[in-house]
C-alpha atoms as a PDB file:
ATOM      1  CA  MET A   1      40.402 -37.115 -15.632  1.00  0.00           C
ATOM      2  CA  GLU A   2      41.690 -33.611 -16.337  1.00  0.00           C
ATOM      3  CA  LYS A   3      40.281 -31.983 -19.450  1.00  0.00           C
ATOM      4  CA  PHE A   4      42.604 -31.264 -22.364  1.00  0.00           C
ATOM      5  CA  GLU A   5      41.577 -28.212 -24.373  1.00  0.00           C
ATOM      6  CA  LYS A   6      44.543 -25.967 -25.173  1.00  0.00           C
ATOM      7  CA  LEU A   7      48.094 -26.319 -23.915  1.00  0.00           C
ATOM      8  CA  THR A   8      50.938 -23.825 -24.243  1.00  0.00           C
ATOM      9  CA  GLY A   9      54.171 -25.088 -22.807  1.00  0.00           C
ATOM     10  CA  ILE A  10      57.808 -26.014 -23.109  1.00  0.00           C
ATOM     11  CA  ALA A  11      58.554 -28.927 -25.416  1.00  0.00           C
ATOM     12  CA  ALA A  12      61.419 -31.301 -24.671  1.00  0.00           C
ATOM     13  CA  PRO A  13      63.266 -32.805 -27.661  1.00  0.00           C
ATOM     14  CA  LEU A  14      63.954 -36.548 -27.522  1.00  0.00           C
ATOM     15  CA  PRO A  15      65.171 -37.442 -31.037  1.00  0.00           C
ATOM     16  CA  MET A  16      65.236 -41.207 -30.575  1.00  0.00           C
ATOM     17  CA  VAL A  17      63.269 -43.835 -32.500  1.00  0.00           C
ATOM     18  CA  ASN A  18      61.715 -46.974 -31.019  1.00  0.00           C
ATOM     19  CA  ILE A  19      61.452 -45.657 -27.471  1.00  0.00           C
ATOM     20  CA  ASP A  20      59.769 -48.625 -25.835  1.00  0.00           C
ATOM     21  CA  THR A  21      57.696 -48.805 -22.680  1.00  0.00           C
ATOM     22  CA  ASP A  22      60.567 -50.359 -20.707  1.00  0.00           C
ATOM     23  CA  MET A  23      62.648 -47.276 -21.491  1.00  0.00           C
ATOM     24  CA  ILE A  24      59.728 -45.060 -20.472  1.00  0.00           C
ATOM     25  CA  ILE A  25      59.235 -46.863 -17.139  1.00  0.00           C
ATOM     26  CA  PRO A  26      61.481 -49.864 -16.338  1.00  0.00           C
ATOM     27  CA  LYS A  27      59.909 -53.091 -15.120  1.00  0.00           C
ATOM     28  CA  GLN A  28      61.076 -52.740 -11.493  1.00  0.00           C
ATOM     29  CA  PHE A  29      58.621 -49.860 -11.033  1.00  0.00           C
ATOM     30  CA  LEU A  30      55.524 -51.783 -12.134  1.00  0.00           C
ATOM     31  CA  LYS A  31      54.589 -53.086  -8.685  1.00  0.00           C
ATOM     32  CA  THR A  32      52.255 -50.203  -7.932  1.00  0.00           C
ATOM     33  CA  ILE A  33      48.674 -49.862  -9.156  1.00  0.00           C
ATOM     34  CA  LYS A  34      48.619 -46.151  -8.336  1.00  0.00           C
ATOM     35  CA  ARG A  35      48.725 -43.682 -11.217  1.00  0.00           C
ATOM     36  CA  THR A  36      50.800 -41.223  -9.206  1.00  0.00           C
ATOM     37  CA  GLY A  37      54.400 -41.264  -8.047  1.00  0.00           C
ATOM     38  CA  LEU A  38      55.928 -42.723 -11.213  1.00  0.00           C
ATOM     39  CA  GLY A  39      57.064 -39.430 -12.737  1.00  0.00           C
ATOM     40  CA  VAL A  40      60.322 -39.462 -10.789  1.00  0.00           C
ATOM     41  CA  ASN A  41      61.216 -42.739 -12.539  1.00  0.00           C
ATOM     42  CA  LEU A  42      60.224 -41.674 -16.051  1.00  0.00           C
ATOM     43  CA  PHE A  43      63.084 -42.690 -18.401  1.00  0.00           C
ATOM     44  CA  ASP A  44      64.851 -43.883 -15.249  1.00  0.00           C
ATOM     45  CA  GLU A  45      67.773 -45.651 -16.914  1.00  0.00           C
ATOM     46  CA  MET A  46      68.525 -42.617 -19.080  1.00  0.00           C
ATOM     47  CA  ARG A  47      67.972 -40.031 -16.321  1.00  0.00           C
ATOM     48  CA  TYR A  48      70.071 -41.596 -13.544  1.00  0.00           C
ATOM     49  CA  ASP A  49      73.401 -43.357 -13.206  1.00  0.00           C
ATOM     50  CA  ASP A  50      73.933 -46.583 -11.230  1.00  0.00           C
ATOM     51  CA  ASP A  51      74.241 -44.596  -7.990  1.00  0.00           C
ATOM     52  CA  GLY A  52      70.939 -42.796  -8.530  1.00  0.00           C
ATOM     53  CA  ASN A  53      72.528 -39.490  -9.509  1.00  0.00           C
ATOM     54  CA  GLU A  54      71.029 -37.453 -12.327  1.00  0.00           C
ATOM     55  CA  ILE A  55      72.794 -37.642 -15.678  1.00  0.00           C
ATOM     56  CA  PRO A  56      73.147 -33.933 -16.588  1.00  0.00           C
ATOM     57  CA  ASP A  57      73.078 -34.471 -20.351  1.00  0.00           C
ATOM     58  CA  PHE A  58      69.664 -36.172 -20.382  1.00  0.00           C
ATOM     59  CA  VAL A  59      67.081 -33.729 -21.683  1.00  0.00           C
ATOM     60  CA  LEU A  60      64.628 -33.853 -18.767  1.00  0.00           C
ATOM     61  CA  ASN A  61      67.455 -33.222 -16.298  1.00  0.00           C
ATOM     62  CA  LYS A  62      68.393 -29.954 -17.974  1.00  0.00           C
ATOM     63  CA  PRO A  63      67.037 -26.880 -16.164  1.00  0.00           C
ATOM     64  CA  GLN A  64      65.188 -25.563 -19.224  1.00  0.00           C
ATOM     65  CA  TYR A  65      63.194 -28.788 -19.619  1.00  0.00           C
ATOM     66  CA  ARG A  66      62.299 -29.728 -16.055  1.00  0.00           C
ATOM     67  CA  GLU A  67      58.877 -28.148 -16.499  1.00  0.00           C
ATOM     68  CA  ALA A  68      58.272 -29.558 -19.996  1.00  0.00           C
ATOM     69  CA  GLU A  69      54.642 -30.374 -20.766  1.00  0.00           C
ATOM     70  CA  ILE A  70      55.198 -31.518 -24.351  1.00  0.00           C
ATOM     71  CA  LEU A  71      57.563 -34.203 -25.621  1.00  0.00           C
ATOM     72  CA  VAL A  72      58.762 -34.335 -29.235  1.00  0.00           C
ATOM     73  CA  ALA A  73      60.161 -37.761 -30.066  1.00  0.00           C
ATOM     74  CA  GLY A  74      61.094 -40.171 -32.858  1.00  0.00           C
ATOM     75  CA  ALA A  75      59.038 -42.764 -34.689  1.00  0.00           C
ATOM     76  CA  ASN A  76      57.373 -45.811 -33.097  1.00  0.00           C
ATOM     77  CA  PHE A  77      57.114 -44.185 -29.673  1.00  0.00           C
ATOM     78  CA  GLY A  78      55.714 -46.459 -26.959  1.00  0.00           C
ATOM     79  CA  CYS A  79      56.532 -49.772 -28.622  1.00  0.00           C
ATOM     80  CA  GLY A  80      57.228 -52.906 -26.579  1.00  0.00           C
ATOM     81  CA  SER A  81      54.996 -54.242 -23.826  1.00  0.00           C
ATOM     82  CA  SER A  82      51.518 -52.849 -23.237  1.00  0.00           C
ATOM     83  CA  ARG A  83      52.140 -51.565 -19.688  1.00  0.00           C
ATOM     84  CA  GLU A  84      49.753 -48.784 -18.750  1.00  0.00           C
ATOM     85  CA  HIS A  85      52.362 -47.541 -16.286  1.00  0.00           C
ATOM     86  CA  ALA A  86      54.107 -45.858 -19.240  1.00  0.00           C
ATOM     87  CA  PRO A  87      51.470 -43.156 -19.773  1.00  0.00           C
ATOM     88  CA  TRP A  88      51.003 -42.951 -16.003  1.00  0.00           C
ATOM     89  CA  ALA A  89      54.701 -42.028 -15.624  1.00  0.00           C
ATOM     90  CA  ILE A  90      54.576 -39.525 -18.483  1.00  0.00           C
ATOM     91  CA  LYS A  91      51.490 -37.810 -17.061  1.00  0.00           C
ATOM     92  CA  ASP A  92      52.832 -37.833 -13.500  1.00  0.00           C
ATOM     93  CA  PHE A  93      56.019 -36.086 -14.675  1.00  0.00           C
ATOM     94  CA  GLY A  94      53.847 -33.336 -16.125  1.00  0.00           C
ATOM     95  CA  ILE A  95      53.892 -34.133 -19.836  1.00  0.00           C
ATOM     96  CA  ARG A  96      50.412 -33.847 -21.368  1.00  0.00           C
ATOM     97  CA  CYS A  97      51.219 -34.145 -25.070  1.00  0.00           C
ATOM     98  CA  VAL A  98      53.605 -36.382 -27.024  1.00  0.00           C
ATOM     99  CA  ILE A  99      54.374 -35.584 -30.670  1.00  0.00           C
ATOM    100  CA  ALA A 100      56.034 -38.186 -32.895  1.00  0.00           C
ATOM    101  CA  PRO A 101      55.874 -39.528 -36.463  1.00  0.00           C
ATOM    102  CA  SER A 102      54.201 -42.725 -35.223  1.00  0.00           C
ATOM    103  CA  PHE A 103      53.144 -44.569 -32.074  1.00  0.00           C
ATOM    104  CA  ALA A 104      52.628 -48.148 -30.988  1.00  0.00           C
ATOM    105  CA  ASP A 105      48.864 -48.785 -31.068  1.00  0.00           C
ATOM    106  CA  ILE A 106      48.337 -49.889 -27.457  1.00  0.00           C
ATOM    107  CA  PHE A 107      50.408 -47.057 -26.025  1.00  0.00           C
ATOM    108  CA  TYR A 108      48.615 -44.575 -28.297  1.00  0.00           C
ATOM    109  CA  ASN A 109      45.186 -45.664 -27.032  1.00  0.00           C
ATOM    110  CA  ASN A 110      46.353 -45.774 -23.395  1.00  0.00           C
ATOM    111  CA  CYS A 111      47.427 -42.137 -23.664  1.00  0.00           C
ATOM    112  CA  PHE A 112      43.881 -40.970 -24.376  1.00  0.00           C
ATOM    113  CA  LYS A 113      42.561 -42.997 -21.434  1.00  0.00           C
ATOM    114  CA  ASN A 114      44.981 -41.177 -19.138  1.00  0.00           C
ATOM    115  CA  GLY A 115      44.544 -37.592 -20.289  1.00  0.00           C
ATOM    116  CA  ILE A 116      47.543 -37.426 -22.630  1.00  0.00           C
ATOM    117  CA  LEU A 117      47.238 -36.249 -26.232  1.00  0.00           C
ATOM    118  CA  PRO A 118      49.477 -38.244 -28.611  1.00  0.00           C
ATOM    119  CA  ILE A 119      49.894 -36.517 -31.976  1.00  0.00           C
ATOM    120  CA  ALA A 120      51.270 -38.270 -35.065  1.00  0.00           C
ATOM    121  CA  LEU A 121      52.712 -35.934 -37.690  1.00  0.00           C
ATOM    122  CA  PRO A 122      54.771 -36.382 -40.860  1.00  0.00           C
ATOM    123  CA  GLN A 123      58.508 -36.655 -40.172  1.00  0.00           C
ATOM    124  CA  GLU A 124      59.275 -33.285 -41.782  1.00  0.00           C
ATOM    125  CA  GLN A 125      56.846 -31.527 -39.436  1.00  0.00           C
ATOM    126  CA  VAL A 126      58.243 -33.360 -36.414  1.00  0.00           C
ATOM    127  CA  ASP A 127      61.709 -32.226 -37.505  1.00  0.00           C
ATOM    128  CA  VAL A 128      60.543 -28.588 -37.414  1.00  0.00           C
ATOM    129  CA  LEU A 129      59.046 -29.057 -33.954  1.00  0.00           C
ATOM    130  CA  MET A 130      62.184 -30.860 -32.766  1.00  0.00           C
ATOM    131  CA  LYS A 131      64.268 -27.809 -33.723  1.00  0.00           C
ATOM    132  CA  GLU A 132      61.696 -25.603 -32.018  1.00  0.00           C
ATOM    133  CA  ALA A 133      61.973 -27.711 -28.853  1.00  0.00           C
ATOM    134  CA  GLU A 134      65.759 -27.404 -28.909  1.00  0.00           C
ATOM    135  CA  LYS A 135      65.326 -23.673 -28.208  1.00  0.00           C
ATOM    136  CA  GLY A 136      64.357 -24.622 -24.651  1.00  0.00           C
ATOM    137  CA  ALA A 137      62.342 -22.336 -22.406  1.00  0.00           C
ATOM    138  CA  ASN A 138      62.684 -19.519 -24.940  1.00  0.00           C
ATOM    139  CA  ALA A 139      60.160 -21.220 -27.234  1.00  0.00           C
ATOM    140  CA  ARG A 140      56.700 -22.390 -26.241  1.00  0.00           C
ATOM    141  CA  ILE A 141      54.502 -24.555 -28.427  1.00  0.00           C
ATOM    142  CA  THR A 142      50.711 -24.263 -28.350  1.00  0.00           C
ATOM    143  CA  VAL A 143      48.568 -27.352 -28.891  1.00  0.00           C
ATOM    144  CA  ASP A 144      44.893 -26.624 -29.516  1.00  0.00           C
ATOM    145  CA  LEU A 145      42.834 -29.813 -29.441  1.00  0.00           C
ATOM    146  CA  GLU A 146      39.549 -28.165 -30.433  1.00  0.00           C
ATOM    147  CA  ALA A 147      41.132 -26.603 -33.538  1.00  0.00           C
ATOM    148  CA  GLN A 148      43.489 -29.585 -34.009  1.00  0.00           C
ATOM    149  CA  THR A 149      46.497 -27.335 -34.518  1.00  0.00           C
ATOM    150  CA  ILE A 150      50.042 -26.978 -33.224  1.00  0.00           C
ATOM    151  CA  THR A 151      51.559 -23.495 -33.297  1.00  0.00           C
ATOM    152  CA  THR A 152      55.270 -22.798 -32.881  1.00  0.00           C
ATOM    153  CA  SER A 153      56.697 -19.727 -31.141  1.00  0.00           C
ATOM    154  CA  ASP A 154      57.348 -18.321 -34.625  1.00  0.00           C
ATOM    155  CA  GLY A 155      53.697 -18.661 -35.602  1.00  0.00           C
ATOM    156  CA  GLU A 156      54.050 -21.671 -37.892  1.00  0.00           C
ATOM    157  CA  VAL A 157      50.919 -23.826 -37.706  1.00  0.00           C
ATOM    158  CA  PHE A 158      50.544 -27.563 -38.265  1.00  0.00           C
ATOM    159  CA  SER A 159      47.215 -29.393 -38.362  1.00  0.00           C
ATOM    160  CA  PHE A 160      46.794 -32.868 -36.940  1.00  0.00           C
ATOM    161  CA  GLU A 161      44.197 -35.628 -37.140  1.00  0.00           C
ATOM    162  CA  VAL A 162      42.510 -37.202 -34.130  1.00  0.00           C
ATOM    163  CA  ASP A 163      39.628 -39.623 -33.761  1.00  0.00           C
ATOM    164  CA  SER A 164      36.442 -37.673 -32.988  1.00  0.00           C
ATOM    165  CA  PHE A 165      35.443 -39.897 -30.060  1.00  0.00           C
ATOM    166  CA  LYS A 166      38.902 -39.759 -28.473  1.00  0.00           C
ATOM    167  CA  LYS A 167      38.903 -35.995 -28.999  1.00  0.00           C
ATOM    168  CA  HIS A 168      35.522 -35.711 -27.250  1.00  0.00           C
ATOM    169  CA  CYS A 169      36.763 -37.747 -24.289  1.00  0.00           C
ATOM    170  CA  LEU A 170      39.863 -35.575 -23.830  1.00  0.00           C
ATOM    171  CA  LEU A 171      37.973 -32.306 -24.211  1.00  0.00           C
ATOM    172  CA  GLU A 172      35.432 -33.427 -21.600  1.00  0.00           C
ATOM    173  CA  GLY A 173      37.920 -35.207 -19.333  1.00  0.00           C
ATOM    174  CA  LEU A 174      36.182 -38.571 -19.674  1.00  0.00           C
ATOM    175  CA  ASP A 175      38.033 -41.785 -18.900  1.00  0.00           C
ATOM    176  CA  ASP A 176      36.446 -45.255 -19.179  1.00  0.00           C
ATOM    177  CA  ILE A 177      34.809 -45.009 -15.744  1.00  0.00           C
ATOM    178  CA  ALA A 178      33.396 -41.562 -16.432  1.00  0.00           C
ATOM    179  CA  LEU A 179      32.009 -42.783 -19.770  1.00  0.00           C
ATOM    180  CA  THR A 180      30.223 -45.591 -17.953  1.00  0.00           C
ATOM    181  CA  MET A 181      28.880 -43.219 -15.308  1.00  0.00           C
ATOM    182  CA  GLU A 182      27.339 -41.074 -18.054  1.00  0.00           C
ATOM    183  CA  LYS A 183      24.970 -44.019 -18.546  1.00  0.00           C
ATOM    184  CA  ALA A 184      24.248 -44.411 -14.832  1.00  0.00           C
ATOM    185  CA  ALA A 185      20.552 -43.496 -15.154  1.00  0.00           C
ATOM    186  CA  ALA A 186      20.019 -45.985 -17.975  1.00  0.00           C
ATOM    187  CA  ILE A 187      21.892 -48.683 -16.040  1.00  0.00           C
ATOM    188  CA  ASP A 188      19.787 -48.058 -12.918  1.00  0.00           C
ATOM    189  CA  ALA A 189      16.597 -48.187 -14.961  1.00  0.00           C
ATOM    190  CA  PHE A 190      17.635 -51.467 -16.585  1.00  0.00           C
ATOM    191  CA  GLU A 191      18.531 -53.027 -13.231  1.00  0.00           C
ATOM    192  CA  GLU A 192      15.212 -51.948 -11.710  1.00  0.00           C
ATOM    193  CA  LYS A 193      13.255 -53.367 -14.645  1.00  0.00           C
ATOM    194  CA  ALA A 194      15.275 -56.595 -14.668  1.00  0.00           C
ATOM    195  CA  GLY A 195      14.845 -56.965 -10.905  1.00  0.00           C
ATOM    196  CA  ALA A 196      11.081 -56.579 -11.187  1.00  0.00           C
ATOM    197  CA  ALA A 197      10.899 -59.101 -14.023  1.00  0.00           C
ATOM    198  CA  ARG A 198      13.167 -61.629 -12.313  1.00  0.00           C
ATOM    199  CA  PRO A 199      13.030 -61.042  -8.545  1.00  0.00           C
ATOM    200  CA  TRP A 200      14.597 -64.424  -7.874  1.00  0.00           C
ATOM    201  CA  VAL A 201      17.899 -63.395  -9.446  1.00  0.00           C
END
């Protein structure tokens, strides 16, 4: 998993509450078990019309936000079903940080496991960042995970909280498999000892 240390990028404003996982990636795209290729269908029903043409007014279809790496959204982001495809689609599009007043628990935890930093901030701070994001490519937001700060293009700084273990995993680029592999030597030693003690197993 790619490490997350410091990110400076364009933020896309999506001022909607209760954005659920079916809105993030509709159910017809859940057939794959690959983590790549879903970015093109991120927010599919809002990005495209019935003929598959882009809807120009949707934020991620606007030229200034096509390279967005940060998403600023409304409360209860990621609610609905627990599909892990939702963070897969967000990451595959290129978004590495989502800022909102609150998140659904399962989605929030799935973000960390897939290299995305979800940041919950008070509504008034999200409102400031939403206005910042509305400036488009002219304003870049910096997210510093080590310092746990968000800095606007005007120099305004907000601090955020993050679980220390989840922070460690993002900084080091450790997903669940990598965490297990960190214990590979201990696992091998246990298996060797267990095999010697019970060779019939």
